Structures are given as structure tokens and as C-alpha cells.
Amino acid sequence: MAGLIIVISAPSGTGKTTICKHLLKEFTQIKHSVSYTTRLPRANEVEGESYCFVSKEEFDKMVVSGQLAEWAKVHGNYYGTSLEHLNKIKEEGCDAILSIDVQGGLSIKKKCENASLIFIIPPSLNELRNRLEKRNTEELEHLESRLRCAHEEVKHIFKYDYFLINHDLEETINNLKSIIIAERHKIAHLPESLL
């Protein structure tokens, strides 16, 4: 059985990366599809695990040669999902989890209609502001930009299949696990060998 494609989108600071890390620890059959990006790495990020960091020129070559399943410009940087990496995960029979922005998520939905799109939102924009400030990785100007983007991103929530409100990390992770288990048992994913 080919694996699922699970898209997780959320405004910056909502906890998307933390939630995905917990999910990967608990489900060995889920693999993270590492995105390519032109942005600089943060202090705690590892090349090839957090992201594949490339120059704008390298990224442009990947776009032109059709190596990306989706790509988008977000907060002034480019992000994209490797088509080869995504196909490899699915061929292994594993589920691919993509931690990507709304533009990318909607692109994947157009190309892979069986993809499951899950949107994670903060309890409020004030809580999101607090989380971004605690992260201490943004200048005030960038923080305001991220909050404006979050407001715009949330407008697309109705194009997604599911939503989760991340007010409690453990509860959000448990709810996400329930969604994934339910998705695996949809009739659309029934292996042909069982028919």
C-alpha cells in the first residue's frame, strides 16, 4: 500500500515543528519530507533534518528542472518539497508528513487529491504573539509581518480537511494521531490486494 501524504500547515510560532517531531518519534512508519529552503539556518537546525539549505540559484534550478512537488515564497525566502524524496517515502509504504505553508499545502492538494491537509491554529493571535516573542528569533518588524501573515493564512482554513487548536501540546498531538489513524482506514486507502 502506498503511504499517505499528510500536510501540516500552521502560522509561524503555532508549534508545527514541535508537533511533527513528537509524531515522528511515535510513528516509525511516518517519514518527514524535508523541505528545501533558501533561508539561513537557525541555531538549533540541522542540515538535512530540519531543512536542506540551498542558495537561491540552486533553488531556481530545482524549480526549472521540475524537481519540486510544490514551492512557495514565504517571509522573503523560498521553500519547496522534493518530488523525488516524496515519491521515495511513498514507495517504501510509509506515510509522508509535510510541514509546509498554506500555499504549498494547497499546491499538494491539487496534485495529490488523496493528501490529508491539517491546519493547526493557535488559541488566539495574542497567544501567537506571545509565542513568537518567547522564541526570540525575530526583530519586531519581522514579528509584525509574521502576525499579518498568520491572519491571512487562517483565512484558508476552510480549504483544509481538518483543523486543530494548539492550546495544549499533548492534546494536540493526540488529536493529530487520531486523524492520521482515521485517514489510514478510509476506504480510499484500502489496498487493491484485499479486494
C-alpha atoms as a PDB file:
ATOM      1  CA  MET A   1       0.000   0.000   0.000  1.00  0.00           C
ATOM      2  CA  ALA A   2       1.355   3.405  -0.949  1.00  0.00           C
ATOM      3  CA  GLY A   3       1.691   5.711   2.016  1.00  0.00           C
ATOM      4  CA  LEU A   4      -0.403   8.716   2.867  1.00  0.00           C
ATOM      5  CA  ILE A   5       0.604  12.294   2.243  1.00  0.00           C
ATOM      6  CA  ILE A   6      -0.112  14.302   5.373  1.00  0.00           C
ATOM      7  CA  VAL A   7       0.246  18.066   5.090  1.00  0.00           C
ATOM      8  CA  ILE A   8       0.609  20.058   8.291  1.00  0.00           C
ATOM      9  CA  SER A   9       0.280  23.826   7.924  1.00  0.00           C
ATOM     10  CA  ALA A  10       0.248  26.461  10.627  1.00  0.00           C
ATOM     11  CA  PRO A  11       1.258  30.056  11.177  1.00  0.00           C
ATOM     12  CA  SER A  12       4.826  30.548  12.435  1.00  0.00           C
ATOM     13  CA  GLY A  13       5.003  30.017  16.189  1.00  0.00           C
ATOM     14  CA  THR A  14       1.986  27.730  16.435  1.00  0.00           C
ATOM     15  CA  GLY A  15       4.064  24.659  17.328  1.00  0.00           C
ATOM     16  CA  LYS A  16       4.028  22.869  13.980  1.00  0.00           C
ATOM     17  CA  THR A  17       7.681  21.752  14.135  1.00  0.00           C
ATOM     18  CA  THR A  18       7.416  20.530  17.731  1.00  0.00           C
ATOM     19  CA  ILE A  19       4.211  18.621  16.969  1.00  0.00           C
ATOM     20  CA  CYS A  20       5.759  16.969  13.900  1.00  0.00           C
ATOM     21  CA  LYS A  21       8.838  15.911  15.909  1.00  0.00           C
ATOM     22  CA  HIS A  22       6.636  14.196  18.506  1.00  0.00           C
ATOM     23  CA  LEU A  23       4.660  12.475  15.771  1.00  0.00           C
ATOM     24  CA  LEU A  24       7.819  11.145  14.106  1.00  0.00           C
ATOM     25  CA  LYS A  25       9.028   9.682  17.411  1.00  0.00           C
ATOM     26  CA  GLU A  26       5.791   7.758  17.936  1.00  0.00           C
ATOM     27  CA  PHE A  27       5.073   6.563  14.388  1.00  0.00           C
ATOM     28  CA  THR A  28       8.001   4.776  12.744  1.00  0.00           C
ATOM     29  CA  GLN A  29       6.001   4.416   9.522  1.00  0.00           C
ATOM     30  CA  ILE A  30       5.803   8.201   9.128  1.00  0.00           C
ATOM     31  CA  LYS A  31       8.741   9.924   7.450  1.00  0.00           C
ATOM     32  CA  HIS A  32       9.336  13.657   7.380  1.00  0.00           C
ATOM     33  CA  SER A  33       9.653  15.100   3.912  1.00  0.00           C
ATOM     34  CA  VAL A  34      12.486  17.564   4.464  1.00  0.00           C
ATOM     35  CA  SER A  35      11.850  20.840   2.649  1.00  0.00           C
ATOM     36  CA  TYR A  36      14.427  22.798   0.714  1.00  0.00           C
ATOM     37  CA  THR A  37      14.817  26.453   1.643  1.00  0.00           C
ATOM     38  CA  THR A  38      16.876  29.480   0.714  1.00  0.00           C
ATOM     39  CA  ARG A  39      16.746  30.942   4.220  1.00  0.00           C
ATOM     40  CA  LEU A  40      19.639  30.803   6.639  1.00  0.00           C
ATOM     41  CA  PRO A  41      19.570  28.063   9.293  1.00  0.00           C
ATOM     42  CA  ARG A  42      18.580  28.902  12.859  1.00  0.00           C
ATOM     43  CA  ALA A  43      20.914  27.927  15.699  1.00  0.00           C
ATOM     44  CA  ASN A  44      19.097  24.674  16.559  1.00  0.00           C
ATOM     45  CA  GLU A  45      18.513  23.468  12.982  1.00  0.00           C
ATOM     46  CA  VAL A  46      20.396  20.582  11.394  1.00  0.00           C
ATOM     47  CA  GLU A  47      21.135  20.417   7.642  1.00  0.00           C
ATOM     48  CA  GLY A  48      19.183  17.577   6.038  1.00  0.00           C
ATOM     49  CA  GLU A  49      16.960  17.063   9.087  1.00  0.00           C
ATOM     50  CA  SER A  50      15.339  20.430   9.710  1.00  0.00           C
ATOM     51  CA  TYR A  51      15.710  21.648   6.123  1.00  0.00           C
ATOM     52  CA  CYS A  52      18.023  21.295   3.161  1.00  0.00           C
ATOM     53  CA  PHE A  53      19.562  24.755   2.940  1.00  0.00           C
ATOM     54  CA  VAL A  54      20.375  25.851  -0.611  1.00  0.00           C
ATOM     55  CA  SER A  55      21.231  29.061  -2.423  1.00  0.00           C
ATOM     56  CA  LYS A  56      18.609  30.919  -4.442  1.00  0.00           C
ATOM     57  CA  GLU A  57      20.428  29.827  -7.617  1.00  0.00           C
ATOM     58  CA  GLU A  58      20.263  26.142  -6.621  1.00  0.00           C
ATOM     59  CA  PHE A  59      16.597  26.513  -5.725  1.00  0.00           C
ATOM     60  CA  ASP A  60      15.818  28.134  -9.086  1.00  0.00           C
ATOM     61  CA  LYS A  61      17.479  25.193 -10.878  1.00  0.00           C
ATOM     62  CA  MET A  62      15.302  22.766  -8.917  1.00  0.00           C
ATOM     63  CA  VAL A  63      12.166  24.686  -9.908  1.00  0.00           C
ATOM     64  CA  VAL A  64      13.106  24.854 -13.607  1.00  0.00           C
ATOM     65  CA  SER A  65      14.036  21.156 -13.772  1.00  0.00           C
ATOM     66  CA  GLY A  66      10.753  20.068 -12.131  1.00  0.00           C
ATOM     67  CA  GLN A  67      12.368  18.577  -9.027  1.00  0.00           C
ATOM     68  CA  LEU A  68       9.869  20.169  -6.638  1.00  0.00           C
ATOM     69  CA  ALA A  69       6.351  18.900  -5.957  1.00  0.00           C
ATOM     70  CA  GLU A  70       5.494  22.370  -4.665  1.00  0.00           C
ATOM     71  CA  TRP A  71       7.287  25.566  -3.835  1.00  0.00           C
ATOM     72  CA  ALA A  72       6.449  28.993  -2.495  1.00  0.00           C
ATOM     73  CA  LYS A  73       7.967  32.238  -1.323  1.00  0.00           C
ATOM     74  CA  VAL A  74       7.256  32.746   2.372  1.00  0.00           C
ATOM     75  CA  HIS A  75       8.520  35.646   4.503  1.00  0.00           C
ATOM     76  CA  GLY A  76      11.006  36.574   1.768  1.00  0.00           C
ATOM     77  CA  ASN A  77      12.526  33.084   1.459  1.00  0.00           C
ATOM     78  CA  TYR A  78      11.776  30.167  -0.835  1.00  0.00           C
ATOM     79  CA  TYR A  79      10.631  26.748   0.373  1.00  0.00           C
ATOM     80  CA  GLY A  80       9.907  23.599  -1.618  1.00  0.00           C
ATOM     81  CA  THR A  81       9.211  19.869  -1.373  1.00  0.00           C
ATOM     82  CA  SER A  82      11.399  17.436  -3.296  1.00  0.00           C
ATOM     83  CA  LEU A  83       9.312  15.271  -5.616  1.00  0.00           C
ATOM     84  CA  GLU A  84      11.960  12.532  -5.547  1.00  0.00           C
ATOM     85  CA  HIS A  85      12.044  12.438  -1.746  1.00  0.00           C
ATOM     86  CA  LEU A  86       8.238  12.370  -1.535  1.00  0.00           C
ATOM     87  CA  ASN A  87       7.970   9.504  -4.031  1.00  0.00           C
ATOM     88  CA  LYS A  88      10.675   7.538  -2.223  1.00  0.00           C
ATOM     89  CA  ILE A  89       8.776   7.746   1.073  1.00  0.00           C
ATOM     90  CA  LYS A  90       5.529   6.614  -0.560  1.00  0.00           C
ATOM     91  CA  GLU A  91       7.260   3.737  -2.403  1.00  0.00           C
ATOM     92  CA  GLU A  92       8.602   2.496   0.943  1.00  0.00           C
ATOM     93  CA  GLY A  93       4.977   2.202   2.068  1.00  0.00           C
ATOM     94  CA  CYS A  94       5.483   4.919   4.650  1.00  0.00           C
ATOM     95  CA  ASP A  95       3.383   7.992   5.220  1.00  0.00           C
ATOM     96  CA  ALA A  96       4.984  11.299   4.260  1.00  0.00           C
ATOM     97  CA  ILE A  97       4.442  14.235   6.560  1.00  0.00           C
ATOM     98  CA  LEU A  98       4.987  17.652   5.023  1.00  0.00           C
ATOM     99  CA  SER A  99       5.335  20.597   7.359  1.00  0.00           C
ATOM    100  CA  ILE A 100       4.651  23.355   4.837  1.00  0.00           C
ATOM    101  CA  ASP A 101       2.908  26.694   4.433  1.00  0.00           C
ATOM    102  CA  VAL A 102      -0.622  27.206   3.138  1.00  0.00           C
ATOM    103  CA  GLN A 103       0.463  27.921  -0.465  1.00  0.00           C
ATOM    104  CA  GLY A 104       2.423  24.677  -0.554  1.00  0.00           C
ATOM    105  CA  GLY A 105      -0.346  22.709   1.116  1.00  0.00           C
ATOM    106  CA  LEU A 106      -2.917  23.834  -1.422  1.00  0.00           C
ATOM    107  CA  SER A 107      -0.496  23.033  -4.276  1.00  0.00           C
ATOM    108  CA  ILE A 108      -0.055  19.499  -2.929  1.00  0.00           C
ATOM    109  CA  LYS A 109      -3.850  19.116  -2.633  1.00  0.00           C
ATOM    110  CA  LYS A 110      -4.224  19.957  -6.345  1.00  0.00           C
ATOM    111  CA  LYS A 111      -1.574  17.405  -7.370  1.00  0.00           C
ATOM    112  CA  CYS A 112      -2.421  14.674  -4.847  1.00  0.00           C
ATOM    113  CA  GLU A 113      -6.147  14.661  -4.202  1.00  0.00           C
ATOM    114  CA  ASN A 114      -5.812  11.953  -1.525  1.00  0.00           C
ATOM    115  CA  ALA A 115      -3.464  14.131   0.532  1.00  0.00           C
ATOM    116  CA  SER A 116      -4.784  14.950   4.003  1.00  0.00           C
ATOM    117  CA  LEU A 117      -4.454  18.620   4.886  1.00  0.00           C
ATOM    118  CA  ILE A 118      -4.393  19.548   8.572  1.00  0.00           C
ATOM    119  CA  PHE A 119      -4.299  23.164   9.711  1.00  0.00           C
ATOM    120  CA  ILE A 120      -3.033  23.948  13.217  1.00  0.00           C
ATOM    121  CA  ILE A 121      -4.018  27.265  14.738  1.00  0.00           C
ATOM    122  CA  PRO A 122      -3.064  28.985  17.993  1.00  0.00           C
ATOM    123  CA  PRO A 123      -5.745  29.660  20.623  1.00  0.00           C
ATOM    124  CA  SER A 124      -5.617  33.366  19.662  1.00  0.00           C
ATOM    125  CA  LEU A 125      -3.458  35.885  17.828  1.00  0.00           C
ATOM    126  CA  ASN A 126      -2.405  37.305  21.215  1.00  0.00           C
ATOM    127  CA  GLU A 127      -1.138  33.863  22.235  1.00  0.00           C
ATOM    128  CA  LEU A 128       0.676  33.586  18.907  1.00  0.00           C
ATOM    129  CA  ARG A 129       2.354  36.949  19.548  1.00  0.00           C
ATOM    130  CA  ASN A 130       3.469  35.708  22.994  1.00  0.00           C
ATOM    131  CA  ARG A 131       4.912  32.510  21.498  1.00  0.00           C
ATOM    132  CA  LEU A 132       6.808  34.385  18.797  1.00  0.00           C
ATOM    133  CA  GLU A 133       8.197  36.828  21.345  1.00  0.00           C
ATOM    134  CA  LYS A 134       9.328  33.952  23.608  1.00  0.00           C
ATOM    135  CA  ARG A 135      11.047  32.301  20.645  1.00  0.00           C
ATOM    136  CA  ASN A 136      13.207  35.424  20.468  1.00  0.00           C
ATOM    137  CA  THR A 137      14.296  34.814  16.866  1.00  0.00           C
ATOM    138  CA  GLU A 138      12.517  37.776  15.277  1.00  0.00           C
ATOM    139  CA  GLU A 139      13.026  41.513  15.238  1.00  0.00           C
ATOM    140  CA  LEU A 140       9.839  43.469  15.970  1.00  0.00           C
ATOM    141  CA  GLU A 141       9.387  44.313  12.273  1.00  0.00           C
ATOM    142  CA  HIS A 142       9.553  40.627  11.279  1.00  0.00           C
ATOM    143  CA  LEU A 143       7.311  39.620  14.163  1.00  0.00           C
ATOM    144  CA  GLU A 144       4.604  42.026  12.984  1.00  0.00           C
ATOM    145  CA  SER A 145       4.981  40.675   9.450  1.00  0.00           C
ATOM    146  CA  ARG A 146       4.541  37.093  10.695  1.00  0.00           C
ATOM    147  CA  LEU A 147       1.408  38.087  12.606  1.00  0.00           C
ATOM    148  CA  ARG A 148      -0.065  39.733   9.496  1.00  0.00           C
ATOM    149  CA  CYS A 149       0.762  36.586   7.504  1.00  0.00           C
ATOM    150  CA  ALA A 150      -0.842  34.410  10.194  1.00  0.00           C
ATOM    151  CA  HIS A 151      -4.043  36.430   9.896  1.00  0.00           C
ATOM    152  CA  GLU A 152      -4.040  35.875   6.110  1.00  0.00           C
ATOM    153  CA  GLU A 153      -3.135  32.170   6.359  1.00  0.00           C
ATOM    154  CA  VAL A 154      -6.009  31.417   8.727  1.00  0.00           C
ATOM    155  CA  LYS A 155      -8.426  32.632   6.034  1.00  0.00           C
ATOM    156  CA  HIS A 156      -7.550  29.454   4.072  1.00  0.00           C
ATOM    157  CA  ILE A 157      -8.506  27.066   6.871  1.00  0.00           C
ATOM    158  CA  PHE A 158     -11.748  26.067   5.101  1.00  0.00           C
ATOM    159  CA  LYS A 159      -9.726  24.661   2.185  1.00  0.00           C
ATOM    160  CA  TYR A 160      -8.155  22.130   4.571  1.00  0.00           C
ATOM    161  CA  ASP A 161      -9.616  18.808   5.681  1.00  0.00           C
ATOM    162  CA  TYR A 162      -9.025  19.185   9.423  1.00  0.00           C
ATOM    163  CA  PHE A 163      -8.102  21.818  11.986  1.00  0.00           C
ATOM    164  CA  LEU A 164      -6.518  21.598  15.420  1.00  0.00           C
ATOM    165  CA  ILE A 165      -6.247  24.349  18.024  1.00  0.00           C
ATOM    166  CA  ASN A 166      -2.900  24.046  19.773  1.00  0.00           C
ATOM    167  CA  HIS A 167      -3.739  25.248  23.262  1.00  0.00           C
ATOM    168  CA  ASP A 168      -2.248  22.125  24.874  1.00  0.00           C
ATOM    169  CA  LEU A 169       0.636  20.348  23.133  1.00  0.00           C
ATOM    170  CA  GLU A 170      -0.150  16.823  24.360  1.00  0.00           C
ATOM    171  CA  GLU A 171      -3.832  17.102  23.464  1.00  0.00           C
ATOM    172  CA  THR A 172      -2.987  18.480  20.017  1.00  0.00           C
ATOM    173  CA  ILE A 173      -0.563  15.610  19.362  1.00  0.00           C
ATOM    174  CA  ASN A 174      -3.152  13.036  20.466  1.00  0.00           C
ATOM    175  CA  ASN A 175      -5.811  14.596  18.244  1.00  0.00           C
ATOM    176  CA  LEU A 176      -3.402  14.608  15.304  1.00  0.00           C
ATOM    177  CA  LYS A 177      -2.611  10.920  15.871  1.00  0.00           C
ATOM    178  CA  SER A 178      -6.351  10.178  15.824  1.00  0.00           C
ATOM    179  CA  ILE A 179      -6.741  11.978  12.495  1.00  0.00           C
ATOM    180  CA  ILE A 180      -3.871  10.020  10.945  1.00  0.00           C
ATOM    181  CA  ILE A 181      -5.211   6.683  12.190  1.00  0.00           C
ATOM    182  CA  ALA A 182      -8.654   7.543  10.781  1.00  0.00           C
ATOM    183  CA  GLU A 183      -7.121   8.570   7.431  1.00  0.00           C
ATOM    184  CA  ARG A 184      -5.328   5.216   7.159  1.00  0.00           C
ATOM    185  CA  HIS A 185      -8.674   3.455   7.496  1.00  0.00           C
ATOM    186  CA  LYS A 186     -10.532   5.362   4.797  1.00  0.00           C
ATOM    187  CA  ILE A 187     -11.937   3.147   2.068  1.00  0.00           C
ATOM    188  CA  ALA A 188      -9.951   5.184  -0.480  1.00  0.00           C
ATOM    189  CA  HIS A 189      -6.748   3.759   1.042  1.00  0.00           C
ATOM    190  CA  LEU A 190      -7.875   0.117   1.009  1.00  0.00           C
ATOM    191  CA  PRO A 191      -5.157  -1.967  -0.692  1.00  0.00           C
ATOM    192  CA  GLU A 192      -6.300  -3.469  -4.000  1.00  0.00           C
ATOM    193  CA  SER A 193      -4.883  -6.826  -2.892  1.00  0.00           C
ATOM    194  CA  LEU A 194      -7.713  -7.065  -0.349  1.00  0.00           C
ATOM    195  CA  LEU A 195     -10.450  -6.636  -2.946  1.00  0.00           C
END
